[in-house]
Structures are given as C-alpha cells and as structure tokens.
C-alpha cells in the first residue's frame, strides 16, 4: 500500500495520496512490533524511503522524520537479537542529531529515544 501511494502521488501528482511522516512512521512502528525476524531490516527500508522522499521533496516538513519516527526505528533494532543492532541504533541516533544540527530544526533526542 505504501509503495502504491508513493507511485500514485508521483504519477498523477495526487498530493492527497502522498504518504507523510505519520504514514511512514506507522509502517515502521508496525514492523517494530511485528516480531518478524527481518523486522529491523524491513523497518529500515521504510525509513530509507522516508528519507529519500524528504530529500526529493526539497525539504517538505510533512516528510521530516520526528522523534517518534526515530524512536520507532531504533526500537526495531533494539528489539532484535542481531549482532549489528547496537551499531545500527547508534548510527540512527547520530543521524538524528546530525539532522537537527544541519537543519536547525527537527527531532530532539529525548528520554524515549535514549
């Protein structure tokens, strides 16, 4: 569904079909809670789609990941038993802080993220 909405918004210019950060974050959160063995990778794929959509939009705030987005994707890695989970979570935290510094706006790491 997410890919279909992305496709329709690009093909037809249907702004109402364009997913925003709430939609992407909901899908990431669903993967985080799924318990699937590949949940962190799948959640990360969705996160990467969000980042690409934000970059392609020229900085549309409705696509700027927020603290909930980051806490959801970090949670996906934290809940996994994968060796790389700690490194991935730390890289996401660094990305969040870099985004805040670069844009002078955006998510602020909070107690939930940590």
Protein backbone atom coordinates (compact mmCIF):
# COMPACT_ATOMS: atom_id res chain seq x y z
CA UNK A 1 0.00 0.00 0.00
CA UNK A 2 2.80 2.41 0.87
CA UNK A 3 4.52 1.79 -2.44
CA UNK A 4 1.22 2.19 -4.31
CA UNK A 5 0.56 5.53 -2.62
CA UNK A 6 4.10 6.68 -3.47
CA UNK A 7 3.60 5.60 -7.07
CA UNK A 8 0.23 7.31 -7.45
CA UNK A 9 1.46 10.56 -5.95
CA UNK A 10 4.40 10.62 -8.37
CA UNK A 11 2.47 9.55 -11.47
CA UNK A 12 -0.70 11.55 -11.09
CA UNK A 13 0.54 14.38 -8.93
CA UNK A 14 -2.03 13.42 -6.33
CA UNK A 15 -0.79 15.23 -3.27
CA UNK A 16 -3.59 13.64 -1.24
CA UNK A 17 -2.10 10.21 -1.98
CA UNK A 18 1.42 11.18 -0.96
CA UNK A 19 2.41 9.42 2.26
CA UNK A 20 3.70 11.72 5.01
CA UNK A 21 5.88 11.00 8.04
CA UNK A 22 2.85 9.80 10.02
CA UNK A 23 2.16 7.10 7.44
CA UNK A 24 5.81 6.05 7.16
CA UNK A 25 6.20 6.05 10.94
CA UNK A 26 3.08 3.91 11.34
CA UNK A 27 4.52 1.31 8.98
CA UNK A 28 7.89 1.42 10.77
CA UNK A 29 6.13 1.01 14.11
CA UNK A 30 4.13 -1.94 12.79
CA UNK A 31 7.34 -3.67 11.71
CA UNK A 32 8.88 -2.89 15.10
CA UNK A 33 6.00 -4.61 16.90
CA UNK A 34 5.69 -7.48 14.43
CA UNK A 35 8.32 -9.75 15.95
CA UNK A 36 9.32 -10.86 12.45
CA UNK A 37 12.93 -11.98 12.14
CA UNK A 38 13.54 -9.40 9.41
CA UNK A 39 11.60 -6.61 11.18
CA UNK A 40 14.54 -4.25 11.71
CA UNK A 41 15.67 -4.51 8.10
CA UNK A 42 12.11 -4.03 6.80
CA UNK A 43 11.55 -1.07 9.13
CA UNK A 44 14.86 0.39 7.98
CA UNK A 45 13.79 0.05 4.32
CA UNK A 46 10.67 2.09 5.09
CA UNK A 47 12.78 4.65 6.96
CA UNK A 48 15.10 4.91 3.95
CA UNK A 49 12.05 5.53 1.72
CA UNK A 50 11.02 8.35 4.04
CA UNK A 51 14.48 9.92 3.92
CA UNK A 52 14.53 9.72 0.10
CA UNK A 53 11.03 11.21 -0.09
CA UNK A 54 12.07 14.07 2.19
CA UNK A 55 15.19 14.76 0.11
CA UNK A 56 13.23 14.59 -3.17
CA UNK A 57 10.60 16.98 -1.81
CA UNK A 58 13.14 19.72 -1.28
CA UNK A 59 12.58 19.74 2.46
CA UNK A 60 8.84 19.24 2.96
CA UNK A 61 8.31 19.27 6.74
CA UNK A 62 5.49 16.72 6.44
CA UNK A 63 8.23 14.24 5.47
CA UNK A 64 10.82 15.26 8.07
CA UNK A 65 11.31 12.34 10.48
CA UNK A 66 10.45 13.26 14.05
CA UNK A 67 11.44 11.84 17.44
CA UNK A 68 8.68 9.23 17.22
CA UNK A 69 9.95 8.08 13.80
CA UNK A 70 13.48 7.72 15.15
CA UNK A 71 12.37 6.01 18.37
CA UNK A 72 10.34 3.52 16.30
CA UNK A 73 13.21 2.57 14.01
CA UNK A 74 15.71 2.48 16.87
CA UNK A 75 13.21 0.27 18.73
CA UNK A 76 13.11 -2.15 15.81
CA UNK A 77 16.85 -2.66 16.12
CA UNK A 78 16.77 -2.68 19.93
CA UNK A 79 14.13 -5.43 19.95
CA UNK A 80 16.11 -7.63 17.59
CA UNK A 81 18.79 -10.04 18.65
CA UNK A 82 21.04 -9.17 15.77
CA UNK A 83 24.73 -8.53 16.29
CA UNK A 84 24.61 -5.24 14.43
CA UNK A 85 21.63 -3.89 16.40
CA UNK A 86 23.67 -1.67 18.69
CA UNK A 87 25.68 -0.20 15.83
CA UNK A 88 22.54 0.42 13.78
CA UNK A 89 20.74 2.09 16.70
CA UNK A 90 23.74 4.29 17.42
CA UNK A 91 24.05 5.27 13.74
CA UNK A 92 20.38 6.29 13.74
CA UNK A 93 20.85 8.37 16.87
CA UNK A 94 23.84 10.07 15.22
CA UNK A 95 21.74 10.68 12.11
CA UNK A 96 19.01 12.24 14.22
CA UNK A 97 21.46 14.57 15.92
CA UNK A 98 23.11 15.44 12.59
CA UNK A 99 19.73 16.23 11.05
CA UNK A 100 18.92 18.55 13.96
CA UNK A 101 22.28 20.29 13.70
CA UNK A 102 22.22 20.64 9.91
CA UNK A 103 18.64 21.87 9.59
CA UNK A 104 18.46 23.80 12.86
CA UNK A 105 15.09 22.12 13.30
CA UNK A 106 13.76 18.63 13.51
CA UNK A 107 13.75 15.98 16.18
CA UNK A 108 15.46 16.39 19.50
CA UNK A 109 16.61 13.16 21.15
CA UNK A 110 14.50 12.65 24.25
CA UNK A 111 14.18 10.10 27.04
CA UNK A 112 12.13 7.77 24.81
CA UNK A 113 14.79 7.73 22.10
CA UNK A 114 17.55 7.06 24.64
